[in-house]
Amino acid sequence: MAILVVGGHSRNVGKTSVVAGLITALAERQWTAVKITQFGHGICSVNGEACGCATTEHTVAISEERDRGGKSDTSRFLLAGARRSLWVRTKQGFLAEAMPSLRKRIEGAGNVIMESNSVIKFMRPDIYFSVLDYETADFKASARQFLDRADAILLHASDAQPQWSDVSLKLLAGKTVFRITPPDYVTTEIVEWVRQRIK
């Protein structure tokens, strides 16, 4: 069993596209895909919609995607070829509560690919990718916290200087860096690197 985790420093930097691309390129691995979302205040973990539930209510929800034709990220994983696709939703800061149930669901599942930064706090995957884009200024705290643990960086090709504040580029020193040019988020070079790491 191999576990791959794909994180990134912000929304819309291509994390989902990387996961879907790896699922397709490494179809022989028969992936179980997992999307982890942590919602802020006022958003319910049960359905991802606005609600007024108390902080202690609805802290965790896990559902299995069955729709291969939908527009959700978990549907995209199935369409890419995942055997199963799970969506883990928690209130911000409550991922620890979801981990026992998630571990049971992926136990014996074979190869698992997850989209998340925060899950690195609770497990040591075989590979952890961090997707970075110099032109996107936002930098999630979870991405900053675990950037030094990334096995490789998937960096959007750009001549721009990093727009991030308070993020040291020294954290990238010595790391394998793959340049990506959307919409081709997963290159042959990345696929072969993954194959070598998870023989």
N, C-alpha and C. Protein backbone atom coordinates (compact mmCIF):
# COMPACT_ATOMS: atom_id res chain seq x y z
N MET A 1 0.85 -1.20 0.00
CA MET A 1 0.00 0.00 0.00
C MET A 1 0.88 1.24 0.00
N ALA A 2 0.57 2.15 -0.91
CA ALA A 2 1.27 3.44 -0.95
C ALA A 2 0.29 4.54 -0.60
N ILE A 3 0.79 5.56 0.08
CA ILE A 3 -0.03 6.74 0.37
C ILE A 3 0.68 7.96 -0.21
N LEU A 4 -0.03 8.67 -1.07
CA LEU A 4 0.46 9.93 -1.63
C LEU A 4 -0.43 11.05 -1.11
N VAL A 5 0.19 12.17 -0.77
CA VAL A 5 -0.57 13.34 -0.34
C VAL A 5 -0.16 14.51 -1.22
N VAL A 6 -1.16 15.23 -1.71
CA VAL A 6 -0.93 16.42 -2.52
C VAL A 6 -1.51 17.61 -1.77
N GLY A 7 -0.65 18.53 -1.40
CA GLY A 7 -1.09 19.76 -0.75
C GLY A 7 -0.71 20.95 -1.60
N GLY A 8 -0.97 22.11 -1.10
CA GLY A 8 -0.64 23.33 -1.83
C GLY A 8 -0.87 24.53 -0.96
N HIS A 9 -0.33 25.66 -1.38
CA HIS A 9 -0.34 26.82 -0.48
C HIS A 9 -1.60 27.66 -0.54
N SER A 10 -2.47 27.39 -1.51
CA SER A 10 -3.67 28.20 -1.62
C SER A 10 -4.73 27.45 -2.42
N ARG A 11 -5.89 28.05 -2.52
CA ARG A 11 -6.92 27.52 -3.41
C ARG A 11 -6.53 27.81 -4.84
N ASN A 12 -7.05 27.00 -5.75
CA ASN A 12 -6.89 27.23 -7.19
C ASN A 12 -5.45 27.23 -7.68
N VAL A 13 -4.59 26.44 -7.03
CA VAL A 13 -3.22 26.31 -7.54
C VAL A 13 -3.03 24.98 -8.28
N GLY A 14 -4.07 24.15 -8.31
CA GLY A 14 -4.00 22.93 -9.10
C GLY A 14 -3.91 21.64 -8.32
N LYS A 15 -4.19 21.66 -7.03
CA LYS A 15 -4.08 20.45 -6.22
C LYS A 15 -4.97 19.33 -6.77
N THR A 16 -6.23 19.65 -7.03
CA THR A 16 -7.17 18.65 -7.53
C THR A 16 -6.74 18.13 -8.89
N SER A 17 -6.24 19.01 -9.74
CA SER A 17 -5.77 18.59 -11.07
C SER A 17 -4.57 17.67 -10.96
N VAL A 18 -3.69 17.93 -10.00
CA VAL A 18 -2.54 17.05 -9.79
C VAL A 18 -3.02 15.67 -9.34
N VAL A 19 -3.93 15.63 -8.36
CA VAL A 19 -4.45 14.35 -7.88
C VAL A 19 -5.09 13.58 -9.03
N ALA A 20 -5.97 14.23 -9.78
CA ALA A 20 -6.65 13.57 -10.90
C ALA A 20 -5.64 13.10 -11.95
N GLY A 21 -4.64 13.91 -12.23
CA GLY A 21 -3.62 13.55 -13.21
C GLY A 21 -2.82 12.33 -12.78
N LEU A 22 -2.47 12.26 -11.50
CA LEU A 22 -1.72 11.10 -10.99
C LEU A 22 -2.58 9.84 -11.00
N ILE A 23 -3.86 9.98 -10.68
CA ILE A 23 -4.77 8.83 -10.72
C ILE A 23 -4.81 8.25 -12.13
N THR A 24 -4.93 9.12 -13.13
CA THR A 24 -4.99 8.67 -14.52
C THR A 24 -3.67 8.08 -14.98
N ALA A 25 -2.57 8.76 -14.68
CA ALA A 25 -1.25 8.33 -15.15
C ALA A 25 -0.78 7.04 -14.48
N LEU A 26 -1.25 6.80 -13.27
CA LEU A 26 -0.85 5.61 -12.52
C LEU A 26 -2.08 4.74 -12.25
N ALA A 27 -2.87 4.53 -13.30
CA ALA A 27 -4.15 3.82 -13.17
C ALA A 27 -3.98 2.41 -12.62
N GLU A 28 -2.82 1.79 -12.89
CA GLU A 28 -2.59 0.42 -12.42
C GLU A 28 -2.60 0.32 -10.90
N ARG A 29 -2.47 1.46 -10.22
CA ARG A 29 -2.46 1.48 -8.76
C ARG A 29 -3.86 1.39 -8.14
N GLN A 30 -4.90 1.55 -8.95
CA GLN A 30 -6.29 1.43 -8.48
C GLN A 30 -6.52 2.23 -7.20
N TRP A 31 -6.37 3.52 -7.32
CA TRP A 31 -6.39 4.44 -6.19
C TRP A 31 -7.73 4.53 -5.47
N THR A 32 -7.65 4.73 -4.16
CA THR A 32 -8.74 5.28 -3.38
C THR A 32 -8.34 6.73 -3.16
N ALA A 33 -9.19 7.65 -3.60
CA ALA A 33 -8.89 9.08 -3.50
C ALA A 33 -9.64 9.69 -2.32
N VAL A 34 -8.98 10.64 -1.66
CA VAL A 34 -9.58 11.31 -0.49
C VAL A 34 -9.38 12.81 -0.61
N LYS A 35 -10.46 13.54 -0.50
CA LYS A 35 -10.41 15.01 -0.47
C LYS A 35 -10.73 15.41 0.97
N ILE A 36 -9.85 16.22 1.56
CA ILE A 36 -10.08 16.69 2.93
C ILE A 36 -10.33 18.19 2.91
N THR A 37 -11.46 18.59 3.48
CA THR A 37 -11.83 20.00 3.52
C THR A 37 -12.10 20.39 4.96
N GLN A 38 -11.48 21.48 5.41
CA GLN A 38 -11.78 22.02 6.74
C GLN A 38 -12.49 23.35 6.57
N PHE A 39 -13.70 23.40 7.10
CA PHE A 39 -14.52 24.60 6.95
C PHE A 39 -14.34 25.55 8.12
N GLY A 40 -14.47 26.82 7.84
CA GLY A 40 -14.39 27.85 8.87
C GLY A 40 -15.72 28.00 9.59
N HIS A 41 -15.79 28.98 10.45
CA HIS A 41 -16.97 29.27 11.27
C HIS A 41 -18.19 29.51 10.39
N GLY A 42 -19.32 28.93 10.79
CA GLY A 42 -20.58 29.18 10.10
C GLY A 42 -20.84 28.26 8.92
N ILE A 43 -19.92 27.33 8.63
CA ILE A 43 -20.11 26.37 7.55
C ILE A 43 -20.21 24.99 8.17
N CYS A 44 -21.22 24.23 7.79
CA CYS A 44 -21.47 22.93 8.38
C CYS A 44 -20.64 21.85 7.70
N SER A 45 -20.03 20.99 8.48
CA SER A 45 -19.22 19.90 7.94
C SER A 45 -20.07 18.82 7.28
N VAL A 46 -21.34 18.74 7.65
CA VAL A 46 -22.21 17.71 7.09
C VAL A 46 -22.38 17.91 5.59
N ASN A 47 -22.63 19.17 5.17
CA ASN A 47 -22.90 19.40 3.75
C ASN A 47 -22.11 20.55 3.14
N GLY A 48 -21.28 21.22 3.91
CA GLY A 48 -20.47 22.31 3.37
C GLY A 48 -21.25 23.58 3.13
N GLU A 49 -22.42 23.68 3.71
CA GLU A 49 -23.26 24.87 3.51
C GLU A 49 -23.33 25.68 4.80
N ALA A 50 -23.73 26.94 4.66
CA ALA A 50 -23.85 27.82 5.82
C ALA A 50 -24.87 27.26 6.81
N CYS A 51 -24.52 27.35 8.09
CA CYS A 51 -25.46 26.89 9.12
C CYS A 51 -25.14 27.59 10.43
N GLY A 52 -26.03 27.41 11.38
CA GLY A 52 -25.84 28.03 12.69
C GLY A 52 -25.59 27.02 13.78
N CYS A 53 -25.10 25.83 13.40
CA CYS A 53 -24.90 24.81 14.42
C CYS A 53 -23.78 25.22 15.37
N ALA A 54 -23.84 24.70 16.56
CA ALA A 54 -22.85 25.03 17.57
C ALA A 54 -21.50 24.41 17.20
N THR A 55 -20.44 24.95 17.76
CA THR A 55 -19.09 24.49 17.46
C THR A 55 -18.93 22.99 17.72
N THR A 56 -19.63 22.46 18.70
CA THR A 56 -19.47 21.05 19.05
C THR A 56 -20.37 20.13 18.23
N GLU A 57 -21.27 20.68 17.41
CA GLU A 57 -22.13 19.88 16.57
C GLU A 57 -21.51 19.74 15.18
N HIS A 58 -21.82 18.64 14.52
CA HIS A 58 -21.45 18.46 13.12
C HIS A 58 -19.99 18.79 12.84
N THR A 59 -19.10 18.28 13.68
CA THR A 59 -17.68 18.63 13.50
C THR A 59 -17.01 17.81 12.42
N VAL A 60 -17.56 16.63 12.11
CA VAL A 60 -16.93 15.74 11.15
C VAL A 60 -17.98 15.04 10.30
N ALA A 61 -17.69 14.90 9.02
CA ALA A 61 -18.53 14.09 8.13
C ALA A 61 -17.63 13.48 7.06
N ILE A 62 -17.90 12.22 6.72
CA ILE A 62 -17.18 11.55 5.65
C ILE A 62 -18.21 10.89 4.75
N SER A 63 -18.11 11.15 3.47
CA SER A 63 -19.04 10.53 2.54
C SER A 63 -18.28 9.95 1.35
N GLU A 64 -18.88 8.95 0.72
CA GLU A 64 -18.28 8.34 -0.46
C GLU A 64 -18.98 8.86 -1.70
N GLU A 65 -18.21 9.35 -2.65
CA GLU A 65 -18.74 9.85 -3.92
C GLU A 65 -19.11 8.68 -4.81
N ARG A 66 -20.25 8.77 -5.46
CA ARG A 66 -20.68 7.72 -6.38
C ARG A 66 -20.92 8.26 -7.79
N ASP A 67 -21.00 9.57 -7.91
CA ASP A 67 -21.33 10.21 -9.19
C ASP A 67 -20.06 10.47 -10.00
N ARG A 68 -19.88 9.74 -11.08
CA ARG A 68 -18.71 9.93 -11.94
C ARG A 68 -18.89 11.09 -12.91
N GLY A 69 -20.08 11.63 -12.98
CA GLY A 69 -20.35 12.69 -13.94
C GLY A 69 -20.55 14.06 -13.32
N GLY A 70 -20.36 14.15 -12.01
CA GLY A 70 -20.58 15.43 -11.34
C GLY A 70 -19.42 16.39 -11.52
N LYS A 71 -19.58 17.58 -10.99
CA LYS A 71 -18.55 18.62 -11.11
C LYS A 71 -17.70 18.76 -9.85
N SER A 72 -18.00 17.98 -8.83
CA SER A 72 -17.23 18.08 -7.58
C SER A 72 -15.84 17.51 -7.78
N ASP A 73 -14.93 17.88 -6.88
CA ASP A 73 -13.58 17.34 -6.94
C ASP A 73 -13.58 15.82 -6.78
N THR A 74 -14.42 15.32 -5.90
CA THR A 74 -14.47 13.88 -5.68
C THR A 74 -15.01 13.15 -6.91
N SER A 75 -15.92 13.76 -7.64
CA SER A 75 -16.38 13.19 -8.92
C SER A 75 -15.25 13.18 -9.94
N ARG A 76 -14.46 14.25 -9.95
CA ARG A 76 -13.31 14.30 -10.86
C ARG A 76 -12.34 13.17 -10.59
N PHE A 77 -12.17 12.80 -9.33
CA PHE A 77 -11.27 11.70 -9.00
C PHE A 77 -11.80 10.38 -9.58
N LEU A 78 -13.13 10.15 -9.46
CA LEU A 78 -13.71 8.94 -10.05
C LEU A 78 -13.57 8.95 -11.56
N LEU A 79 -13.85 10.08 -12.17
CA LEU A 79 -13.74 10.20 -13.62
C LEU A 79 -12.31 9.95 -14.09
N ALA A 80 -11.34 10.33 -13.27
CA ALA A 80 -9.93 10.11 -13.61
C ALA A 80 -9.53 8.65 -13.50
N GLY A 81 -10.36 7.85 -12.81
CA GLY A 81 -10.08 6.42 -12.71
C GLY A 81 -9.95 5.87 -11.31
N ALA A 82 -10.20 6.69 -10.29
CA ALA A 82 -10.12 6.18 -8.91
C ALA A 82 -11.16 5.08 -8.69
N ARG A 83 -10.77 4.08 -7.93
CA ARG A 83 -11.68 2.99 -7.57
C ARG A 83 -12.76 3.49 -6.63
N ARG A 84 -12.33 4.31 -5.65
CA ARG A 84 -13.25 4.91 -4.69
C ARG A 84 -12.83 6.36 -4.48
N SER A 85 -13.78 7.18 -4.03
CA SER A 85 -13.48 8.58 -3.75
C SER A 85 -14.25 9.01 -2.51
N LEU A 86 -13.51 9.51 -1.53
CA LEU A 86 -14.11 9.93 -0.26
C LEU A 86 -13.93 11.43 -0.05
N TRP A 87 -14.92 12.05 0.58
CA TRP A 87 -14.82 13.47 0.94
C TRP A 87 -14.92 13.56 2.46
N VAL A 88 -13.84 14.02 3.07
CA VAL A 88 -13.78 14.22 4.52
C VAL A 88 -13.97 15.70 4.78
N ARG A 89 -14.97 16.03 5.62
CA ARG A 89 -15.25 17.42 5.95
C ARG A 89 -15.20 17.59 7.46
N THR A 90 -14.47 18.60 7.90
CA THR A 90 -14.42 18.90 9.33
C THR A 90 -14.49 20.41 9.53
N LYS A 91 -14.86 20.77 10.73
CA LYS A 91 -14.70 22.17 11.10
C LYS A 91 -13.21 22.43 11.23
N GLN A 92 -12.82 23.67 11.00
CA GLN A 92 -11.41 24.05 11.11
C GLN A 92 -10.85 23.62 12.46
N GLY A 93 -9.73 22.89 12.41
CA GLY A 93 -9.09 22.46 13.65
C GLY A 93 -9.59 21.14 14.23
N PHE A 94 -10.55 20.48 13.55
CA PHE A 94 -11.13 19.25 14.07
C PHE A 94 -10.74 18.02 13.26
N LEU A 95 -9.70 18.11 12.44
CA LEU A 95 -9.32 16.97 11.61
C LEU A 95 -8.94 15.76 12.45
N ALA A 96 -8.36 15.96 13.61
CA ALA A 96 -7.99 14.84 14.49
C ALA A 96 -9.19 13.95 14.78
N GLU A 97 -10.37 14.55 14.92
CA GLU A 97 -11.57 13.77 15.20
C GLU A 97 -11.97 12.89 14.04
N ALA A 98 -11.61 13.28 12.82
CA ALA A 98 -11.97 12.49 11.64
C ALA A 98 -11.01 11.35 11.37
N MET A 99 -9.80 11.43 11.90
CA MET A 99 -8.76 10.47 11.53
C MET A 99 -9.08 9.01 11.87
N PRO A 100 -9.63 8.68 13.05
CA PRO A 100 -9.94 7.26 13.31
C PRO A 100 -10.89 6.68 12.27
N SER A 101 -11.94 7.41 11.94
CA SER A 101 -12.90 6.94 10.96
C SER A 101 -12.28 6.86 9.56
N LEU A 102 -11.47 7.85 9.22
CA LEU A 102 -10.80 7.84 7.91
C LEU A 102 -9.86 6.64 7.82
N ARG A 103 -9.10 6.40 8.87
CA ARG A 103 -8.17 5.26 8.85
C ARG A 103 -8.91 3.93 8.64
N LYS A 104 -10.07 3.79 9.27
CA LYS A 104 -10.87 2.57 9.07
C LYS A 104 -11.32 2.45 7.63
N ARG A 105 -11.71 3.56 7.04
CA ARG A 105 -12.22 3.52 5.66
C ARG A 105 -11.13 3.21 4.63
N ILE A 106 -9.89 3.60 4.92
CA ILE A 106 -8.82 3.35 3.95
C ILE A 106 -8.01 2.10 4.28
N GLU A 107 -8.30 1.51 5.44
CA GLU A 107 -7.60 0.28 5.83
C GLU A 107 -7.91 -0.81 4.81
N GLY A 108 -6.89 -1.40 4.26
CA GLY A 108 -7.09 -2.45 3.26
C GLY A 108 -7.54 -1.93 1.90
N ALA A 109 -7.52 -0.61 1.72
CA ALA A 109 -7.99 -0.01 0.47
C ALA A 109 -6.95 -0.06 -0.64
N GLY A 110 -5.76 -0.52 -0.32
CA GLY A 110 -4.70 -0.51 -1.34
C GLY A 110 -4.02 0.83 -1.36
N ASN A 111 -3.84 1.39 -2.53
CA ASN A 111 -3.14 2.66 -2.68
C ASN A 111 -4.09 3.83 -2.47
N VAL A 112 -3.62 4.82 -1.72
CA VAL A 112 -4.46 5.96 -1.35
C VAL A 112 -3.77 7.25 -1.78
N ILE A 113 -4.54 8.14 -2.38
CA ILE A 113 -4.04 9.47 -2.74
C ILE A 113 -4.97 10.49 -2.10
N MET A 114 -4.39 11.45 -1.39
CA MET A 114 -5.19 12.44 -0.64
C MET A 114 -4.85 13.86 -1.07
N GLU A 115 -5.86 14.70 -1.05
CA GLU A 115 -5.65 16.13 -1.27
C GLU A 115 -5.81 16.83 0.08
N SER A 116 -4.69 17.29 0.63
CA SER A 116 -4.70 17.93 1.94
C SER A 116 -3.29 18.37 2.30
N ASN A 117 -3.17 19.37 3.13
CA ASN A 117 -1.90 19.68 3.81
C ASN A 117 -1.95 19.15 5.24
N SER A 118 -3.06 19.41 5.89
CA SER A 118 -3.18 19.17 7.33
C SER A 118 -3.06 17.71 7.73
N VAL A 119 -3.37 16.79 6.81
CA VAL A 119 -3.30 15.38 7.16
C VAL A 119 -1.86 14.96 7.48
N ILE A 120 -0.88 15.75 7.04
CA ILE A 120 0.53 15.45 7.32
C ILE A 120 0.80 15.46 8.82
N LYS A 121 -0.03 16.16 9.56
CA LYS A 121 0.12 16.18 11.02
C LYS A 121 -0.17 14.81 11.64
N PHE A 122 -0.95 13.99 10.92
CA PHE A 122 -1.43 12.74 11.48
C PHE A 122 -0.90 11.48 10.80
N MET A 123 -0.19 11.63 9.71
CA MET A 123 0.36 10.46 9.03
C MET A 123 1.61 10.81 8.24
N ARG A 124 2.40 9.80 7.94
CA ARG A 124 3.61 9.96 7.14
C ARG A 124 3.40 9.23 5.82
N PRO A 125 3.03 9.96 4.80
CA PRO A 125 2.81 9.32 3.50
C PRO A 125 4.12 8.91 2.85
N ASP A 126 4.02 8.08 1.84
CA ASP A 126 5.20 7.70 1.07
C ASP A 126 5.73 8.88 0.27
N ILE A 127 4.80 9.72 -0.20
CA ILE A 127 5.18 10.93 -0.95
C ILE A 127 4.24 12.06 -0.55
N TYR A 128 4.81 13.21 -0.31
CA TYR A 128 4.02 14.43 -0.07
C TYR A 128 4.49 15.49 -1.05
N PHE A 129 3.59 15.87 -1.95
CA PHE A 129 3.83 16.94 -2.91
C PHE A 129 3.23 18.24 -2.38
N SER A 130 3.90 19.34 -2.62
CA SER A 130 3.32 20.65 -2.35
C SER A 130 3.28 21.43 -3.66
N VAL A 131 2.09 21.89 -4.04
CA VAL A 131 1.90 22.65 -5.27
C VAL A 131 2.01 24.13 -4.93
N LEU A 132 2.94 24.82 -5.60
CA LEU A 132 3.19 26.24 -5.32
C LEU A 132 3.07 27.07 -6.58
N ASP A 133 2.58 28.29 -6.41
CA ASP A 133 2.45 29.24 -7.52
C ASP A 133 2.94 30.60 -7.01
N TYR A 134 4.08 31.05 -7.53
CA TYR A 134 4.64 32.33 -7.10
C TYR A 134 3.66 33.50 -7.26
N GLU A 135 2.75 33.39 -8.22
CA GLU A 135 1.85 34.52 -8.52
C GLU A 135 0.63 34.57 -7.61
N THR A 136 0.46 33.59 -6.75
CA THR A 136 -0.67 33.58 -5.81
C THR A 136 -0.14 33.95 -4.43
N ALA A 137 -0.59 35.09 -3.91
CA ALA A 137 -0.03 35.64 -2.68
C ALA A 137 -0.45 34.87 -1.42
N ASP A 138 -1.67 34.36 -1.39
CA ASP A 138 -2.17 33.66 -0.21
C ASP A 138 -1.30 32.44 0.10
N PHE A 139 -1.01 32.21 1.36
CA PHE A 139 -0.24 31.04 1.77
C PHE A 139 -0.87 30.48 3.04
N LYS A 140 -1.56 29.35 2.90
CA LYS A 140 -2.24 28.75 4.05
C LYS A 140 -1.25 28.41 5.16
N ALA A 141 -1.72 28.54 6.40
CA ALA A 141 -0.87 28.20 7.54
C ALA A 141 -0.47 26.74 7.51
N SER A 142 -1.39 25.86 7.08
CA SER A 142 -1.08 24.43 7.03
C SER A 142 0.01 24.13 5.99
N ALA A 143 -0.01 24.85 4.89
CA ALA A 143 1.02 24.66 3.86
C ALA A 143 2.37 25.12 4.37
N ARG A 144 2.38 26.24 5.08
CA ARG A 144 3.63 26.77 5.64
C ARG A 144 4.17 25.81 6.71
N GLN A 145 3.28 25.28 7.53
CA GLN A 145 3.69 24.41 8.64
C GLN A 145 4.38 23.14 8.14
N PHE A 146 3.93 22.60 7.00
CA PHE A 146 4.45 21.31 6.54
C PHE A 146 5.31 21.40 5.28
N LEU A 147 5.63 22.60 4.83
CA LEU A 147 6.40 22.75 3.60
C LEU A 147 7.75 22.04 3.68
N ASP A 148 8.38 22.09 4.84
CA ASP A 148 9.69 21.44 4.97
C ASP A 148 9.60 19.92 4.88
N ARG A 149 8.40 19.36 5.04
CA ARG A 149 8.21 17.91 4.96
C ARG A 149 7.91 17.42 3.54
N ALA A 150 7.73 18.34 2.60
CA ALA A 150 7.42 17.95 1.22
C ALA A 150 8.59 17.19 0.62
N ASP A 151 8.26 16.09 -0.06
CA ASP A 151 9.28 15.32 -0.77
C ASP A 151 9.64 15.97 -2.09
N ALA A 152 8.67 16.66 -2.68
CA ALA A 152 8.90 17.35 -3.94
C ALA A 152 7.94 18.52 -4.05
N ILE A 153 8.36 19.50 -4.82
CA ILE A 153 7.57 20.71 -5.06
C ILE A 153 7.11 20.70 -6.50
N LEU A 154 5.84 20.97 -6.72
CA LEU A 154 5.32 21.16 -8.07
C LEU A 154 5.10 22.66 -8.22
N LEU A 155 6.00 23.31 -8.96
CA LEU A 155 6.04 24.77 -9.02
C LEU A 155 5.56 25.26 -10.37
N HIS A 156 4.53 26.10 -10.35
CA HIS A 156 4.04 26.69 -11.59
C HIS A 156 5.18 27.44 -12.27
N ALA A 157 5.38 27.14 -13.55
CA ALA A 157 6.42 27.82 -14.32
C ALA A 157 6.06 29.29 -14.45
N SER A 158 6.97 30.17 -14.04
CA SER A 158 6.71 31.61 -14.07
C SER A 158 8.02 32.35 -13.87
N ASP A 159 8.10 33.53 -14.46
CA ASP A 159 9.26 34.39 -14.25
C ASP A 159 9.03 35.36 -13.09
N ALA A 160 7.85 35.28 -12.48
CA ALA A 160 7.50 36.20 -11.40
C ALA A 160 8.28 35.88 -10.13
N GLN A 161 8.42 36.87 -9.29
CA GLN A 161 8.98 36.69 -7.96
C GLN A 161 7.84 36.23 -7.04
N PRO A 162 8.15 35.44 -6.02
CA PRO A 162 7.09 34.99 -5.11
C PRO A 162 6.34 36.16 -4.49
N GLN A 163 5.03 36.07 -4.51
CA GLN A 163 4.16 37.10 -3.94
C GLN A 163 3.86 36.85 -2.47
N TRP A 164 4.49 35.81 -1.90
CA TRP A 164 4.19 35.44 -0.52
C TRP A 164 4.93 36.36 0.44
N SER A 165 4.31 36.59 1.58
CA SER A 165 5.01 37.32 2.65
C SER A 165 5.26 36.33 3.78
N ASP A 166 6.37 36.50 4.45
CA ASP A 166 6.71 35.66 5.61
C ASP A 166 6.87 34.18 5.30
N VAL A 167 7.30 33.86 4.08
CA VAL A 167 7.59 32.46 3.74
C VAL A 167 9.01 32.42 3.19
N SER A 168 9.88 31.69 3.86
CA SER A 168 11.27 31.62 3.45
C SER A 168 11.46 30.61 2.33
N LEU A 169 12.13 31.03 1.27
CA LEU A 169 12.43 30.12 0.17
C LEU A 169 13.50 29.10 0.58
N LYS A 170 14.11 29.31 1.73
CA LYS A 170 15.08 28.33 2.22
C LYS A 170 14.41 26.99 2.52
N LEU A 171 13.10 27.02 2.75
CA LEU A 171 12.36 25.79 2.99
C LEU A 171 12.35 24.88 1.76
N LEU A 172 12.63 25.47 0.58
CA LEU A 172 12.63 24.69 -0.66
C LEU A 172 14.01 24.14 -0.99
N ALA A 173 15.03 24.60 -0.28
CA ALA A 173 16.41 24.21 -0.58
C ALA A 173 16.58 22.70 -0.49
N GLY A 174 17.22 22.14 -1.51
CA GLY A 174 17.50 20.72 -1.53
C GLY A 174 16.34 19.83 -1.91
N LYS A 175 15.19 20.41 -2.18
CA LYS A 175 14.02 19.62 -2.54
C LYS A 175 13.97 19.40 -4.06
N THR A 176 13.40 18.29 -4.45
CA THR A 176 13.15 18.04 -5.86
C THR A 176 12.05 18.99 -6.30
N VAL A 177 12.29 19.73 -7.38
CA VAL A 177 11.31 20.69 -7.89
C VAL A 177 10.95 20.32 -9.32
N PHE A 178 9.68 20.16 -9.59
CA PHE A 178 9.17 19.93 -10.93
C PHE A 178 8.42 21.17 -11.38
N ARG A 179 8.76 21.69 -12.53
CA ARG A 179 8.04 22.83 -13.10
C ARG A 179 6.80 22.32 -13.81
N ILE A 180 5.67 22.94 -13.52
CA ILE A 180 4.42 22.55 -14.18
C ILE A 180 3.84 23.74 -14.92
N THR A 181 3.21 23.45 -16.03
CA THR A 181 2.57 24.49 -16.83
C THR A 181 1.13 24.06 -17.09
N PRO A 182 0.18 24.59 -16.32
CA PRO A 182 -1.22 24.21 -16.51
C PRO A 182 -1.65 24.45 -17.96
N PRO A 183 -2.49 23.60 -18.52
CA PRO A 183 -3.29 22.58 -17.83
C PRO A 183 -2.57 21.24 -17.64
N ASP A 184 -1.31 21.13 -18.04
CA ASP A 184 -0.57 19.88 -17.85
C ASP A 184 0.10 19.88 -16.47
N TYR A 185 -0.66 19.50 -15.47
CA TYR A 185 -0.16 19.53 -14.09
C TYR A 185 0.74 18.35 -13.77
N VAL A 186 0.58 17.26 -14.51
CA VAL A 186 1.35 16.04 -14.24
C VAL A 186 2.14 15.67 -15.49
N THR A 187 3.46 15.75 -15.39
CA THR A 187 4.33 15.46 -16.52
C THR A 187 4.82 14.01 -16.45
N THR A 188 5.38 13.53 -17.55
CA THR A 188 5.98 12.20 -17.58
C THR A 188 7.08 12.08 -16.53
N GLU A 189 7.83 13.16 -16.37
CA GLU A 189 8.92 13.18 -15.38
C GLU A 189 8.38 12.96 -13.96
N ILE A 190 7.28 13.61 -13.63
CA ILE A 190 6.67 13.45 -12.30
C ILE A 190 6.18 12.01 -12.12
N VAL A 191 5.52 11.48 -13.14
CA VAL A 191 4.98 10.12 -13.05
C VAL A 191 6.10 9.10 -12.84
N GLU A 192 7.19 9.23 -13.59
CA GLU A 192 8.30 8.29 -13.44
C GLU A 192 8.96 8.43 -12.07
N TRP A 193 9.05 9.65 -11.56
CA TRP A 193 9.61 9.88 -10.23
C TRP A 193 8.76 9.17 -9.16
N VAL A 194 7.42 9.29 -9.30
CA VAL A 194 6.52 8.63 -8.36
C VAL A 194 6.69 7.11 -8.47
N ARG A 195 6.73 6.60 -9.69
CA ARG A 195 6.88 5.14 -9.87
C ARG A 195 8.14 4.62 -9.19
N GLN A 196 9.22 5.36 -9.29
CA GLN A 196 10.47 4.95 -8.66
C GLN A 196 10.36 4.96 -7.14
N ARG A 197 9.60 5.90 -6.62
CA ARG A 197 9.49 6.04 -5.16
C ARG A 197 8.55 5.01 -4.53
N ILE A 198 7.58 4.53 -5.30
CA ILE A 198 6.59 3.60 -4.71
C ILE A 198 6.58 2.26 -5.43
N LYS A 199 7.74 1.76 -5.77
CA LYS A 199 7.84 0.44 -6.43
C LYS A 199 7.15 -0.62 -5.60
